C-alpha atoms as a PDB file:
ATOM      1  CA  GLN A   1      32.088 136.940 220.385  1.00  0.00           C
ATOM      2  CA  GLU A   2      32.592 133.469 218.979  1.00  0.00           C
ATOM      3  CA  GLN A   3      34.643 133.504 215.825  1.00  0.00           C
ATOM      4  CA  LEU A   4      37.457 131.972 213.841  1.00  0.00           C
ATOM      5  CA  VAL A   5      40.110 134.203 212.379  1.00  0.00           C
ATOM      6  CA  GLU A   6      42.437 132.979 209.653  1.00  0.00           C
ATOM      7  CA  SER A   7      45.740 134.557 208.763  1.00  0.00           C
ATOM      8  CA  GLY A   8      48.938 133.751 206.937  1.00  0.00           C
ATOM      9  CA  GLY A   9      47.734 133.913 203.372  1.00  0.00           C
ATOM     10  CA  GLY A  10      49.565 135.846 200.719  1.00  0.00           C
ATOM     11  CA  LEU A  11      51.666 135.500 197.629  1.00  0.00           C
ATOM     12  CA  VAL A  12      53.857 132.425 197.300  1.00  0.00           C
ATOM     13  CA  GLN A  13      55.947 131.153 194.428  1.00  0.00           C
ATOM     14  CA  PRO A  14      55.394 127.685 193.001  1.00  0.00           C
ATOM     15  CA  GLY A  15      57.392 125.268 195.094  1.00  0.00           C
ATOM     16  CA  GLY A  16      57.343 127.604 198.060  1.00  0.00           C
ATOM     17  CA  SER A  17      55.812 127.279 201.503  1.00  0.00           C
ATOM     18  CA  LEU A  18      53.193 129.070 203.510  1.00  0.00           C
ATOM     19  CA  ARG A  19      51.673 128.517 206.928  1.00  0.00           C
ATOM     20  CA  LEU A  20      48.066 129.417 207.583  1.00  0.00           C
ATOM     21  CA  SER A  21      46.733 129.945 211.082  1.00  0.00           C
ATOM     22  CA  CYS A  22      43.222 129.735 212.450  1.00  0.00           C
ATOM     23  CA  VAL A  23      42.678 131.279 215.862  1.00  0.00           C
ATOM     24  CA  GLY A  24      39.576 130.633 217.921  1.00  0.00           C
ATOM     25  CA  SER A  25      38.036 133.542 219.783  1.00  0.00           C
ATOM     26  CA  GLY A  26      35.403 132.530 222.280  1.00  0.00           C
ATOM     27  CA  ILE A  27      35.679 129.004 220.895  1.00  0.00           C
ATOM     28  CA  THR A  28      37.800 126.250 222.394  1.00  0.00           C
ATOM     29  CA  LEU A  29      39.100 124.596 219.253  1.00  0.00           C
ATOM     30  CA  SER A  30      40.087 121.384 220.998  1.00  0.00           C
ATOM     31  CA  ASN A  31      36.371 120.683 221.452  1.00  0.00           C
ATOM     32  CA  TYR A  32      35.789 120.675 217.711  1.00  0.00           C
ATOM     33  CA  VAL A  33      36.740 118.822 214.579  1.00  0.00           C
ATOM     34  CA  MET A  34      38.804 121.367 212.727  1.00  0.00           C
ATOM     35  CA  ASN A  35      38.935 121.498 208.962  1.00  0.00           C
ATOM     36  CA  TRP A  36      40.588 123.607 206.321  1.00  0.00           C
ATOM     37  CA  TYR A  37      38.655 124.194 203.114  1.00  0.00           C
ATOM     38  CA  ARG A  38      39.491 126.175 200.030  1.00  0.00           C
ATOM     39  CA  GLN A  39      37.564 127.745 197.222  1.00  0.00           C
ATOM     40  CA  ALA A  40      39.026 128.854 193.939  1.00  0.00           C
ATOM     41  CA  PRO A  41      37.166 131.187 191.573  1.00  0.00           C
ATOM     42  CA  GLY A  42      34.429 129.350 189.732  1.00  0.00           C
ATOM     43  CA  LYS A  43      34.884 126.207 191.796  1.00  0.00           C
ATOM     44  CA  GLU A  44      33.089 124.655 194.712  1.00  0.00           C
ATOM     45  CA  ARG A  45      34.506 124.797 198.198  1.00  0.00           C
ATOM     46  CA  GLU A  46      36.539 121.677 198.867  1.00  0.00           C
ATOM     47  CA  LEU A  47      37.890 120.028 201.973  1.00  0.00           C
ATOM     48  CA  VAL A  48      41.665 120.228 202.144  1.00  0.00           C
ATOM     49  CA  ALA A  49      42.534 118.806 205.550  1.00  0.00           C
ATOM     50  CA  GLY A  50      40.922 117.919 208.852  1.00  0.00           C
ATOM     51  CA  ILE A  51      42.032 117.092 212.350  1.00  0.00           C
ATOM     52  CA  SER A  52      40.303 115.441 215.265  1.00  0.00           C
ATOM     53  CA  SER A  53      41.814 112.364 216.885  1.00  0.00           C
ATOM     54  CA  GLU A  54      43.522 111.836 213.542  1.00  0.00           C
ATOM     55  CA  THR A  55      44.283 113.815 210.440  1.00  0.00           C
ATOM     56  CA  ARG A  56      42.954 113.481 206.937  1.00  0.00           C
ATOM     57  CA  TYR A  57      43.857 115.115 203.667  1.00  0.00           C
ATOM     58  CA  ALA A  58      42.546 115.575 200.193  1.00  0.00           C
ATOM     59  CA  ASP A  59      44.466 113.488 197.682  1.00  0.00           C
ATOM     60  CA  SER A  60      45.640 116.643 195.935  1.00  0.00           C
ATOM     61  CA  VAL A  61      47.559 117.873 198.993  1.00  0.00           C
ATOM     62  CA  THR A  62      48.668 114.638 200.634  1.00  0.00           C
ATOM     63  CA  GLY A  63      52.385 114.718 201.266  1.00  0.00           C
ATOM     64  CA  ARG A  64      52.572 118.475 200.804  1.00  0.00           C
ATOM     65  CA  PHE A  65      50.215 119.967 203.407  1.00  0.00           C
ATOM     66  CA  THR A  66      50.147 119.297 207.134  1.00  0.00           C
ATOM     67  CA  ILE A  67      47.371 120.214 209.538  1.00  0.00           C
ATOM     68  CA  SER A  68      48.203 120.572 213.199  1.00  0.00           C
ATOM     69  CA  ARG A  69      46.825 122.161 216.318  1.00  0.00           C
ATOM     70  CA  ASP A  70      48.239 123.902 219.339  1.00  0.00           C
ATOM     71  CA  ASP A  71      45.581 123.558 221.984  1.00  0.00           C
ATOM     72  CA  ALA A  72      47.467 125.709 224.456  1.00  0.00           C
ATOM     73  CA  LYS A  73      47.336 128.595 221.979  1.00  0.00           C
ATOM     74  CA  ASN A  74      43.917 127.653 220.609  1.00  0.00           C
ATOM     75  CA  ILE A  75      45.278 127.675 217.067  1.00  0.00           C
ATOM     76  CA  VAL A  76      45.056 125.293 214.145  1.00  0.00           C
ATOM     77  CA  TYR A  77      47.678 125.483 211.421  1.00  0.00           C
ATOM     78  CA  LEU A  78      47.911 124.434 207.827  1.00  0.00           C
ATOM     79  CA  GLN A  79      51.502 124.092 206.680  1.00  0.00           C
ATOM     80  CA  MET A  80      51.636 124.250 202.921  1.00  0.00           C
ATOM     81  CA  ASN A  81      54.821 123.014 201.247  1.00  0.00           C
ATOM     82  CA  ASN A  82      55.714 122.598 197.589  1.00  0.00           C
ATOM     83  CA  VAL A  83      52.818 124.852 196.714  1.00  0.00           C
ATOM     84  CA  LYS A  84      51.408 124.483 193.207  1.00  0.00           C
ATOM     85  CA  PRO A  85      49.494 126.980 191.047  1.00  0.00           C
ATOM     86  CA  GLU A  86      46.336 124.922 191.544  1.00  0.00           C
ATOM     87  CA  ASP A  87      46.553 125.566 195.293  1.00  0.00           C
ATOM     88  CA  ALA A  88      45.585 129.191 194.740  1.00  0.00           C
ATOM     89  CA  ALA A  89      42.284 129.850 196.493  1.00  0.00           C
ATOM     90  CA  VAL A  90      40.650 131.421 199.491  1.00  0.00           C
ATOM     91  CA  TYR A  91      41.296 129.155 202.447  1.00  0.00           C
ATOM     92  CA  TYR A  92      38.754 128.832 205.220  1.00  0.00           C
ATOM     93  CA  CYS A  93      38.924 127.076 208.537  1.00  0.00           C
ATOM     94  CA  SER A  94      35.877 125.578 210.154  1.00  0.00           C
ATOM     95  CA  ALA A  95      35.073 124.198 213.583  1.00  0.00           C
ATOM     96  CA  ARG A  96      32.469 121.465 213.643  1.00  0.00           C
ATOM     97  CA  GLY A  97      30.824 120.320 216.846  1.00  0.00           C
ATOM     98  CA  HIS A  98      27.725 118.341 217.641  1.00  0.00           C
ATOM     99  CA  PHE A  99      25.466 121.365 217.466  1.00  0.00           C
ATOM    100  CA  ARG A 100      27.518 124.168 216.021  1.00  0.00           C
ATOM    101  CA  LEU A 101      29.506 124.887 212.905  1.00  0.00           C
ATOM    102  CA  TYR A 102      31.745 127.906 212.714  1.00  0.00           C
ATOM    103  CA  TRP A 103      33.494 129.396 209.704  1.00  0.00           C
ATOM    104  CA  GLY A 104      36.265 131.908 209.434  1.00  0.00           C
ATOM    105  CA  GLN A 105      36.283 134.757 206.958  1.00  0.00           C
ATOM    106  CA  GLY A 106      38.972 133.205 204.786  1.00  0.00           C
ATOM    107  CA  THR A 107      42.500 134.077 203.797  1.00  0.00           C
ATOM    108  CA  GLN A 108      43.672 134.421 200.209  1.00  0.00           C
ATOM    109  CA  VAL A 109      46.531 132.318 198.880  1.00  0.00           C
ATOM    110  CA  THR A 110      47.975 133.440 195.567  1.00  0.00           C
ATOM    111  CA  VAL A 111      50.520 131.310 193.737  1.00  0.00           C
ATOM    112  CA  SER A 112      52.646 133.088 191.185  1.00  0.00           C
ATOM    113  CA  SER A 113      56.221 133.385 190.094  1.00  0.00           C
END
């Protein structure tokens, strides 16, 4: 079964750190452009970070978040540092190829002191 599975979400204090993981099952992630999106209640889903031959970030997370991939483990990570209350959302990873687009089920990030 082809799927993406996110993990690593949870409760984090403002200023804290969290690392999200996206594991590919039946999907070789190195063959895809990998992106992390997030969606907060009442807001549209927004692109947070992406990785292909290079990385790109939303302005709101630049300097705080880092996307990386471990092709040997078939995992893509999102390291979140100096987390802010406005980072609270459900985070989704996606794998975009020429003909296919996969989404994970999402992992919740809650920011609270």
